[in-house]
Amino acid sequence: MGVVFILVPLPLTLAWSLPLLAGGGIMCVASLFMAEGAGPVRPPEGFRFCVFCSTLVPDGSARCPQCNGLQPPEGA
């Protein structure tokens, strides 16, 4: 995004691009030293995650007990 701000001739783009370029550079360097993630988090057997609030919802339940969100049908 910082490179785009430098290339697009808009007012104040240089002021916005420098912090974004610096942040992107820090993230690129930091990613070389960070451990790789363990993979996706899976719900325990008999549960699934609510599509709205990520609370555990029992399989077969039509609504989430936390946010009352209507859950999609099984397998969807």
N, C-alpha and C. Protein backbone atom coordinates (compact mmCIF):
# COMPACT_ATOMS: atom_id res chain seq x y z
N MET A 1 0.83 -1.18 0.00
CA MET A 1 0.00 0.00 0.00
C MET A 1 0.87 1.25 0.00
N GLY A 2 1.99 1.20 0.70
CA GLY A 2 2.89 2.34 0.72
C GLY A 2 3.45 2.64 -0.65
N VAL A 3 3.76 1.60 -1.43
CA VAL A 3 4.27 1.79 -2.79
C VAL A 3 3.19 2.42 -3.67
N VAL A 4 1.94 1.99 -3.51
CA VAL A 4 0.83 2.57 -4.29
C VAL A 4 0.69 4.05 -3.98
N PHE A 5 0.80 4.41 -2.71
CA PHE A 5 0.68 5.83 -2.34
C PHE A 5 1.80 6.67 -2.94
N ILE A 6 2.98 6.10 -3.10
CA ILE A 6 4.06 6.85 -3.73
C ILE A 6 3.81 7.02 -5.22
N LEU A 7 3.29 5.98 -5.87
CA LEU A 7 3.08 6.03 -7.32
C LEU A 7 1.88 6.87 -7.73
N VAL A 8 0.85 6.95 -6.91
CA VAL A 8 -0.36 7.71 -7.23
C VAL A 8 -0.15 9.15 -6.78
N PRO A 9 -0.23 10.10 -7.71
CA PRO A 9 0.04 11.51 -7.35
C PRO A 9 -1.15 12.18 -6.66
N LEU A 10 -1.36 11.88 -5.41
CA LEU A 10 -2.42 12.51 -4.62
C LEU A 10 -1.79 13.36 -3.53
N PRO A 11 -2.49 14.37 -3.05
CA PRO A 11 -1.94 15.19 -1.95
C PRO A 11 -1.73 14.34 -0.69
N LEU A 12 -0.66 14.58 -0.01
CA LEU A 12 -0.31 13.92 1.26
C LEU A 12 0.01 12.43 1.12
N THR A 13 0.19 11.94 -0.10
CA THR A 13 0.45 10.50 -0.24
C THR A 13 1.82 10.13 0.30
N LEU A 14 2.79 11.00 0.19
CA LEU A 14 4.12 10.66 0.70
C LEU A 14 4.08 10.50 2.22
N ALA A 15 3.32 11.36 2.89
CA ALA A 15 3.22 11.27 4.35
C ALA A 15 2.56 9.96 4.77
N TRP A 16 1.60 9.46 4.00
CA TRP A 16 0.93 8.20 4.32
C TRP A 16 1.77 7.00 3.92
N SER A 17 2.57 7.14 2.86
CA SER A 17 3.28 5.98 2.34
C SER A 17 4.47 5.58 3.20
N LEU A 18 5.15 6.53 3.81
CA LEU A 18 6.34 6.20 4.58
C LEU A 18 6.06 5.29 5.78
N PRO A 19 5.05 5.57 6.60
CA PRO A 19 4.76 4.62 7.71
C PRO A 19 4.32 3.26 7.20
N LEU A 20 3.57 3.23 6.10
CA LEU A 20 3.13 1.94 5.57
C LEU A 20 4.30 1.15 5.01
N LEU A 21 5.22 1.82 4.34
CA LEU A 21 6.41 1.14 3.84
C LEU A 21 7.26 0.61 5.00
N ALA A 22 7.43 1.41 6.02
CA ALA A 22 8.21 0.97 7.18
C ALA A 22 7.55 -0.22 7.88
N GLY A 23 6.24 -0.14 8.07
CA GLY A 23 5.52 -1.25 8.71
C GLY A 23 5.59 -2.52 7.89
N GLY A 24 5.45 -2.39 6.58
CA GLY A 24 5.55 -3.56 5.72
C GLY A 24 6.93 -4.18 5.76
N GLY A 25 7.95 -3.34 5.80
CA GLY A 25 9.31 -3.85 5.90
C GLY A 25 9.56 -4.56 7.21
N ILE A 26 9.05 -4.00 8.30
CA ILE A 26 9.19 -4.65 9.61
C ILE A 26 8.49 -6.00 9.62
N MET A 27 7.30 -6.07 9.03
CA MET A 27 6.56 -7.33 9.00
C MET A 27 7.28 -8.38 8.16
N CYS A 28 7.88 -7.97 7.04
CA CYS A 28 8.62 -8.92 6.19
C CYS A 28 9.82 -9.48 6.95
N VAL A 29 10.56 -8.62 7.64
CA VAL A 29 11.73 -9.08 8.39
C VAL A 29 11.30 -9.93 9.58
N ALA A 30 10.26 -9.51 10.29
CA ALA A 30 9.80 -10.26 11.46
C ALA A 30 9.29 -11.65 11.07
N SER A 31 8.68 -11.78 9.90
CA SER A 31 8.14 -13.08 9.49
C SER A 31 9.23 -14.11 9.29
N LEU A 32 10.45 -13.67 9.02
CA LEU A 32 11.55 -14.61 8.85
C LEU A 32 11.94 -15.29 10.16
N PHE A 33 11.65 -14.65 11.30
CA PHE A 33 12.05 -15.16 12.60
C PHE A 33 10.90 -15.76 13.41
N MET A 34 9.69 -15.67 12.91
CA MET A 34 8.54 -16.18 13.66
C MET A 34 8.26 -17.63 13.31
N ALA A 35 7.78 -18.38 14.29
CA ALA A 35 7.46 -19.78 14.07
C ALA A 35 6.18 -19.89 13.24
N GLU A 36 6.10 -20.95 12.48
CA GLU A 36 4.92 -21.18 11.66
C GLU A 36 3.77 -21.66 12.54
N GLY A 37 2.55 -21.31 12.19
CA GLY A 37 1.38 -21.70 12.97
C GLY A 37 1.15 -23.19 12.94
N ALA A 38 0.41 -23.68 13.91
CA ALA A 38 0.14 -25.10 14.03
C ALA A 38 -1.00 -25.56 13.15
N GLY A 39 -1.64 -24.66 12.44
CA GLY A 39 -2.74 -25.04 11.58
C GLY A 39 -4.07 -24.55 12.13
N PRO A 40 -5.16 -24.92 11.48
CA PRO A 40 -6.47 -24.43 11.92
C PRO A 40 -6.90 -25.04 13.26
N VAL A 41 -7.68 -24.28 14.00
CA VAL A 41 -8.23 -24.76 15.28
C VAL A 41 -9.49 -25.55 14.96
N ARG A 42 -9.58 -26.74 15.48
CA ARG A 42 -10.74 -27.60 15.26
C ARG A 42 -11.60 -27.66 16.53
N PRO A 43 -12.93 -27.65 16.38
CA PRO A 43 -13.79 -27.77 17.57
C PRO A 43 -13.76 -29.19 18.12
N PRO A 44 -14.09 -29.35 19.41
CA PRO A 44 -14.14 -30.70 19.98
C PRO A 44 -15.24 -31.53 19.30
N GLU A 45 -15.15 -32.82 19.46
CA GLU A 45 -16.13 -33.74 18.88
C GLU A 45 -17.54 -33.41 19.39
N GLY A 46 -18.49 -33.31 18.48
CA GLY A 46 -19.87 -33.01 18.85
C GLY A 46 -20.20 -31.53 18.87
N PHE A 47 -19.26 -30.69 18.49
CA PHE A 47 -19.48 -29.25 18.47
C PHE A 47 -19.01 -28.67 17.14
N ARG A 48 -19.44 -27.46 16.88
CA ARG A 48 -18.92 -26.68 15.76
C ARG A 48 -18.87 -25.23 16.22
N PHE A 49 -18.21 -24.39 15.44
CA PHE A 49 -18.10 -22.98 15.80
C PHE A 49 -19.25 -22.19 15.20
N CYS A 50 -19.80 -21.24 15.96
CA CYS A 50 -20.83 -20.34 15.46
C CYS A 50 -20.23 -19.50 14.34
N VAL A 51 -20.98 -19.32 13.25
CA VAL A 51 -20.47 -18.55 12.12
C VAL A 51 -20.45 -17.06 12.41
N PHE A 52 -21.09 -16.62 13.49
CA PHE A 52 -21.15 -15.20 13.80
C PHE A 52 -20.21 -14.80 14.93
N CYS A 53 -20.14 -15.61 16.02
CA CYS A 53 -19.34 -15.19 17.18
C CYS A 53 -18.26 -16.20 17.56
N SER A 54 -18.15 -17.30 16.85
CA SER A 54 -17.12 -18.33 17.05
C SER A 54 -17.24 -19.07 18.38
N THR A 55 -18.40 -19.00 19.01
CA THR A 55 -18.65 -19.77 20.23
C THR A 55 -18.92 -21.22 19.84
N LEU A 56 -18.61 -22.15 20.73
CA LEU A 56 -18.92 -23.55 20.46
C LEU A 56 -20.42 -23.77 20.49
N VAL A 57 -20.94 -24.42 19.45
CA VAL A 57 -22.36 -24.73 19.32
C VAL A 57 -22.48 -26.24 19.17
N PRO A 58 -23.36 -26.88 19.94
CA PRO A 58 -23.54 -28.33 19.78
C PRO A 58 -24.03 -28.66 18.37
N ASP A 59 -23.53 -29.77 17.82
CA ASP A 59 -24.00 -30.22 16.52
C ASP A 59 -25.51 -30.43 16.56
N GLY A 60 -26.18 -30.01 15.52
CA GLY A 60 -27.63 -30.16 15.44
C GLY A 60 -28.41 -29.00 16.02
N SER A 61 -27.75 -28.09 16.71
CA SER A 61 -28.43 -26.93 17.27
C SER A 61 -28.72 -25.92 16.16
N ALA A 62 -29.93 -25.38 16.16
CA ALA A 62 -30.32 -24.43 15.12
C ALA A 62 -29.82 -23.02 15.41
N ARG A 63 -29.61 -22.70 16.69
CA ARG A 63 -29.19 -21.35 17.08
C ARG A 63 -28.02 -21.42 18.05
N CYS A 64 -27.21 -20.37 18.03
CA CYS A 64 -26.07 -20.27 18.93
C CYS A 64 -26.56 -19.87 20.32
N PRO A 65 -26.07 -20.53 21.39
CA PRO A 65 -26.49 -20.16 22.74
C PRO A 65 -25.94 -18.80 23.19
N GLN A 66 -24.88 -18.31 22.55
CA GLN A 66 -24.27 -17.04 22.95
C GLN A 66 -24.94 -15.86 22.27
N CYS A 67 -25.01 -15.88 20.92
CA CYS A 67 -25.51 -14.72 20.17
C CYS A 67 -26.88 -14.95 19.55
N ASN A 68 -27.43 -16.15 19.69
CA ASN A 68 -28.74 -16.51 19.14
C ASN A 68 -28.74 -16.46 17.60
N GLY A 69 -27.58 -16.53 16.99
CA GLY A 69 -27.48 -16.51 15.52
C GLY A 69 -27.96 -17.82 14.93
N LEU A 70 -28.71 -17.73 13.85
CA LEU A 70 -29.23 -18.91 13.15
C LEU A 70 -28.07 -19.60 12.43
N GLN A 71 -27.87 -20.86 12.75
CA GLN A 71 -26.75 -21.61 12.20
C GLN A 71 -27.12 -22.26 10.86
N PRO A 72 -26.16 -22.36 9.94
CA PRO A 72 -26.46 -23.02 8.68
C PRO A 72 -26.70 -24.51 8.91
N PRO A 73 -27.36 -25.16 7.99
CA PRO A 73 -27.59 -26.59 8.16
C PRO A 73 -26.28 -27.38 8.15
N GLU A 74 -26.31 -28.58 8.73
CA GLU A 74 -25.12 -29.42 8.80
C GLU A 74 -24.57 -29.67 7.40
N GLY A 75 -23.25 -29.61 7.29
CA GLY A 75 -22.59 -29.90 6.02
C GLY A 75 -22.56 -28.74 5.05
N ALA A 76 -23.12 -27.58 5.44
CA ALA A 76 -23.13 -26.44 4.52
C ALA A 76 -21.93 -25.57 4.75
